[in-house]
N, C-alpha and C. Protein backbone atom coordinates (compact mmCIF):
# COMPACT_ATOMS: atom_id res chain seq x y z
N MET A 1 -58.11 115.74 -29.12
CA MET A 1 -59.18 116.71 -29.26
C MET A 1 -60.24 116.23 -30.26
N ILE A 2 -59.78 115.76 -31.41
CA ILE A 2 -60.72 115.29 -32.44
C ILE A 2 -61.48 114.08 -31.93
N ASP A 3 -60.79 113.18 -31.20
CA ASP A 3 -61.46 112.00 -30.64
C ASP A 3 -62.59 112.40 -29.71
N THR A 4 -62.37 113.38 -28.89
CA THR A 4 -63.40 113.84 -27.95
C THR A 4 -64.61 114.39 -28.70
N VAL A 5 -64.37 115.16 -29.74
CA VAL A 5 -65.47 115.72 -30.54
C VAL A 5 -66.24 114.60 -31.22
N LEU A 6 -65.52 113.64 -31.80
CA LEU A 6 -66.18 112.53 -32.49
C LEU A 6 -66.96 111.65 -31.51
N GLN A 7 -66.42 111.44 -30.31
CA GLN A 7 -67.15 110.67 -29.31
C GLN A 7 -68.42 111.40 -28.88
N GLY A 8 -68.32 112.71 -28.74
CA GLY A 8 -69.51 113.51 -28.41
C GLY A 8 -70.55 113.45 -29.51
N LEU A 9 -70.09 113.52 -30.77
CA LEU A 9 -71.00 113.43 -31.91
C LEU A 9 -71.66 112.06 -31.96
N LEU A 10 -70.89 111.01 -31.73
CA LEU A 10 -71.45 109.66 -31.71
C LEU A 10 -72.49 109.52 -30.61
N MET A 11 -72.22 110.03 -29.44
CA MET A 11 -73.16 109.93 -28.34
C MET A 11 -74.44 110.70 -28.68
N ALA A 12 -74.31 111.88 -29.28
CA ALA A 12 -75.48 112.66 -29.67
C ALA A 12 -76.30 111.92 -30.71
N MET A 13 -75.64 111.28 -31.65
CA MET A 13 -76.35 110.52 -32.68
C MET A 13 -77.06 109.31 -32.08
N GLN A 14 -76.40 108.63 -31.15
CA GLN A 14 -77.02 107.48 -30.49
C GLN A 14 -78.24 107.89 -29.67
N MET A 15 -78.14 109.02 -29.02
CA MET A 15 -79.29 109.51 -28.23
C MET A 15 -80.43 109.93 -29.17
N THR A 16 -80.10 110.44 -30.34
CA THR A 16 -81.13 110.78 -31.32
C THR A 16 -81.85 109.54 -31.81
N VAL A 17 -81.10 108.49 -32.10
CA VAL A 17 -81.72 107.22 -32.52
C VAL A 17 -82.62 106.68 -31.41
N PHE A 18 -82.16 106.75 -30.16
CA PHE A 18 -82.96 106.27 -29.05
C PHE A 18 -84.22 107.12 -28.90
N ALA A 19 -84.11 108.42 -29.03
CA ALA A 19 -85.28 109.30 -28.92
C ALA A 19 -86.29 109.01 -30.02
N LEU A 20 -85.81 108.78 -31.24
CA LEU A 20 -86.71 108.45 -32.33
C LEU A 20 -87.40 107.10 -32.10
N ALA A 21 -86.64 106.12 -31.63
CA ALA A 21 -87.24 104.81 -31.34
C ALA A 21 -88.27 104.91 -30.24
N LEU A 22 -87.95 105.67 -29.20
CA LEU A 22 -88.90 105.87 -28.11
C LEU A 22 -90.14 106.61 -28.59
N GLY A 23 -89.96 107.58 -29.47
CA GLY A 23 -91.11 108.28 -30.04
C GLY A 23 -92.02 107.36 -30.81
N LEU A 24 -91.44 106.47 -31.61
CA LEU A 24 -92.25 105.48 -32.33
C LEU A 24 -93.01 104.57 -31.37
N THR A 25 -92.36 104.21 -30.28
CA THR A 25 -93.00 103.36 -29.28
C THR A 25 -94.19 104.07 -28.66
N ILE A 26 -94.02 105.33 -28.31
CA ILE A 26 -95.12 106.10 -27.70
C ILE A 26 -96.28 106.27 -28.69
N ILE A 27 -95.96 106.60 -29.95
CA ILE A 27 -97.00 106.78 -30.95
C ILE A 27 -97.75 105.46 -31.17
N SER A 28 -97.03 104.35 -31.25
CA SER A 28 -97.70 103.08 -31.47
C SER A 28 -98.54 102.67 -30.26
N PHE A 29 -98.11 103.03 -29.06
CA PHE A 29 -98.91 102.74 -27.88
C PHE A 29 -100.20 103.57 -27.88
N GLN A 30 -100.08 104.84 -28.26
CA GLN A 30 -101.27 105.68 -28.34
C GLN A 30 -102.26 105.15 -29.39
N SER A 31 -101.74 104.68 -30.50
CA SER A 31 -102.60 104.09 -31.53
C SER A 31 -103.28 102.84 -31.02
N TYR A 32 -102.53 102.03 -30.30
CA TYR A 32 -103.10 100.81 -29.74
C TYR A 32 -104.19 101.14 -28.73
N GLN A 33 -103.98 102.15 -27.89
CA GLN A 33 -105.00 102.53 -26.92
C GLN A 33 -106.26 103.05 -27.60
N ALA A 34 -106.11 103.78 -28.70
CA ALA A 34 -107.26 104.34 -29.41
C ALA A 34 -108.07 103.26 -30.12
N ASN A 35 -107.41 102.29 -30.73
CA ASN A 35 -108.06 101.23 -31.48
C ASN A 35 -107.40 99.90 -31.13
N GLU A 36 -107.88 99.24 -30.13
CA GLU A 36 -107.25 97.99 -29.69
C GLU A 36 -107.46 96.92 -30.75
N SER A 37 -106.32 96.46 -31.28
CA SER A 37 -106.35 95.34 -32.22
C SER A 37 -105.05 94.56 -32.05
N LYS A 38 -105.07 93.33 -32.52
CA LYS A 38 -103.87 92.50 -32.42
C LYS A 38 -102.72 93.09 -33.22
N ARG A 39 -103.02 93.67 -34.37
CA ARG A 39 -101.98 94.27 -35.20
C ARG A 39 -101.27 95.41 -34.48
N LEU A 40 -102.05 96.32 -33.91
CA LEU A 40 -101.46 97.46 -33.22
C LEU A 40 -100.74 97.02 -31.95
N GLU A 41 -101.25 95.97 -31.30
CA GLU A 41 -100.58 95.47 -30.11
C GLU A 41 -99.21 94.88 -30.49
N SER A 42 -99.16 94.12 -31.57
CA SER A 42 -97.89 93.56 -32.02
C SER A 42 -96.91 94.64 -32.44
N ALA A 43 -97.42 95.67 -33.12
CA ALA A 43 -96.56 96.78 -33.53
C ALA A 43 -95.99 97.51 -32.31
N PHE A 44 -96.85 97.76 -31.32
CA PHE A 44 -96.38 98.43 -30.10
C PHE A 44 -95.29 97.59 -29.40
N ILE A 45 -95.53 96.31 -29.24
CA ILE A 45 -94.54 95.43 -28.60
C ILE A 45 -93.24 95.41 -29.41
N GLY A 46 -93.37 95.36 -30.74
CA GLY A 46 -92.19 95.37 -31.59
C GLY A 46 -91.36 96.64 -31.42
N PHE A 47 -92.03 97.79 -31.43
CA PHE A 47 -91.31 99.05 -31.26
C PHE A 47 -90.70 99.15 -29.87
N ALA A 48 -91.39 98.61 -28.88
CA ALA A 48 -90.85 98.64 -27.51
C ALA A 48 -89.54 97.84 -27.44
N PHE A 49 -89.53 96.67 -28.07
CA PHE A 49 -88.31 95.87 -28.06
C PHE A 49 -87.20 96.50 -28.88
N LEU A 50 -87.57 97.15 -29.97
CA LEU A 50 -86.54 97.86 -30.76
C LEU A 50 -85.93 98.99 -29.95
N SER A 51 -86.76 99.72 -29.19
CA SER A 51 -86.24 100.77 -28.32
C SER A 51 -85.29 100.18 -27.27
N MET A 52 -85.67 99.03 -26.73
CA MET A 52 -84.81 98.37 -25.75
C MET A 52 -83.50 97.96 -26.39
N GLY A 53 -83.55 97.47 -27.62
CA GLY A 53 -82.33 97.08 -28.33
C GLY A 53 -81.43 98.26 -28.59
N VAL A 54 -82.02 99.40 -28.96
CA VAL A 54 -81.22 100.61 -29.18
C VAL A 54 -80.55 101.05 -27.88
N ALA A 55 -81.30 101.01 -26.79
CA ALA A 55 -80.74 101.40 -25.49
C ALA A 55 -79.57 100.47 -25.11
N LEU A 56 -79.77 99.17 -25.28
CA LEU A 56 -78.69 98.24 -24.94
C LEU A 56 -77.47 98.44 -25.83
N THR A 57 -77.70 98.70 -27.11
CA THR A 57 -76.59 98.92 -28.03
C THR A 57 -75.80 100.15 -27.62
N THR A 58 -76.50 101.20 -27.21
CA THR A 58 -75.84 102.42 -26.76
C THR A 58 -75.00 102.15 -25.52
N ILE A 59 -75.56 101.41 -24.58
CA ILE A 59 -74.84 101.10 -23.35
C ILE A 59 -73.61 100.25 -23.64
N VAL A 60 -73.80 99.20 -24.44
CA VAL A 60 -72.70 98.28 -24.72
C VAL A 60 -71.59 98.99 -25.50
N SER A 61 -71.95 99.92 -26.38
CA SER A 61 -70.91 100.62 -27.15
C SER A 61 -70.07 101.55 -26.28
N GLN A 62 -70.61 101.96 -25.14
CA GLN A 62 -69.87 102.84 -24.23
C GLN A 62 -68.84 102.07 -23.41
N VAL A 63 -69.07 100.79 -23.23
CA VAL A 63 -68.15 99.96 -22.45
C VAL A 63 -67.49 98.97 -23.40
N SER A 64 -66.28 99.26 -23.80
CA SER A 64 -65.60 98.45 -24.83
C SER A 64 -65.05 97.13 -24.29
N GLU A 65 -65.07 96.93 -22.99
CA GLU A 65 -64.46 95.74 -22.42
C GLU A 65 -65.45 94.58 -22.28
N LEU A 66 -66.66 94.75 -22.79
CA LEU A 66 -67.65 93.69 -22.64
C LEU A 66 -67.37 92.54 -23.59
N THR A 67 -67.80 91.37 -23.18
CA THR A 67 -67.52 90.16 -23.95
C THR A 67 -68.58 89.94 -25.03
N THR A 68 -68.38 88.89 -25.79
CA THR A 68 -69.29 88.53 -26.86
C THR A 68 -70.69 88.24 -26.34
N ILE A 69 -70.80 87.75 -25.12
CA ILE A 69 -72.12 87.42 -24.57
C ILE A 69 -73.01 88.65 -24.50
N PHE A 70 -72.43 89.81 -24.21
CA PHE A 70 -73.22 91.03 -24.17
C PHE A 70 -73.67 91.45 -25.56
N SER A 71 -72.84 91.18 -26.55
CA SER A 71 -73.23 91.46 -27.94
C SER A 71 -74.40 90.58 -28.35
N ILE A 72 -74.39 89.35 -27.88
CA ILE A 72 -75.51 88.46 -28.17
C ILE A 72 -76.77 88.93 -27.47
N VAL A 73 -76.62 89.32 -26.21
CA VAL A 73 -77.76 89.80 -25.42
C VAL A 73 -78.38 91.06 -26.03
N GLU A 74 -77.57 91.94 -26.56
CA GLU A 74 -78.10 93.16 -27.14
C GLU A 74 -78.84 92.91 -28.45
N THR A 75 -78.58 91.78 -29.09
CA THR A 75 -79.21 91.44 -30.35
C THR A 75 -80.61 90.85 -30.16
N VAL A 76 -80.85 90.21 -29.04
CA VAL A 76 -82.12 89.53 -28.78
C VAL A 76 -83.33 90.49 -28.87
N PRO A 77 -83.29 91.69 -28.25
CA PRO A 77 -84.46 92.59 -28.38
C PRO A 77 -84.74 92.98 -29.83
N PHE A 78 -83.71 93.09 -30.66
CA PHE A 78 -83.93 93.40 -32.08
C PHE A 78 -84.64 92.24 -32.78
N ILE A 79 -84.25 91.03 -32.47
CA ILE A 79 -84.89 89.86 -33.08
C ILE A 79 -86.36 89.82 -32.70
N ILE A 80 -86.65 89.99 -31.42
CA ILE A 80 -88.04 89.98 -30.94
C ILE A 80 -88.82 91.15 -31.55
N GLY A 81 -88.22 92.33 -31.54
CA GLY A 81 -88.87 93.52 -32.06
C GLY A 81 -89.24 93.41 -33.51
N PHE A 82 -88.28 93.00 -34.34
CA PHE A 82 -88.57 92.85 -35.76
C PHE A 82 -89.54 91.71 -36.01
N GLY A 83 -89.46 90.67 -35.22
CA GLY A 83 -90.43 89.56 -35.31
C GLY A 83 -91.85 90.03 -35.03
N MET A 84 -92.01 90.85 -34.00
CA MET A 84 -93.35 91.37 -33.67
C MET A 84 -93.85 92.33 -34.75
N LEU A 85 -92.96 93.13 -35.31
CA LEU A 85 -93.39 94.01 -36.41
C LEU A 85 -93.80 93.19 -37.62
N TYR A 86 -93.08 92.11 -37.89
CA TYR A 86 -93.45 91.21 -38.96
C TYR A 86 -94.84 90.63 -38.71
N LEU A 87 -95.10 90.19 -37.48
CA LEU A 87 -96.42 89.65 -37.14
C LEU A 87 -97.51 90.69 -37.30
N SER A 88 -97.21 91.94 -36.94
CA SER A 88 -98.23 92.99 -37.03
C SER A 88 -98.65 93.22 -38.47
N LEU A 89 -97.81 92.92 -39.42
CA LEU A 89 -98.17 93.10 -40.83
C LEU A 89 -99.07 91.99 -41.36
N TYR A 90 -99.05 90.84 -40.70
CA TYR A 90 -99.78 89.69 -41.22
C TYR A 90 -100.90 89.19 -40.31
N ARG A 91 -101.21 89.90 -39.24
CA ARG A 91 -102.32 89.48 -38.38
C ARG A 91 -103.60 90.04 -38.88
């Protein structure tokens, strides 16, 4: 019983993180559309990849039988996303 409640809580928390990441992506896209610049474009792309990373992490955590290769694959969007955010600060 407790496991079911904790799994439900974990899923709700993961969906909240995904919703927040998606919200940041939408806001950064709207900012980019309003004032097109390389900085805002990089920030939008960064947030989009971070949202993708959160989604992949949520999916991979639901399937415990996945191999290490999937863990590597889920990390790549985070690397790209944080790299693009880093670029947006220095462009």
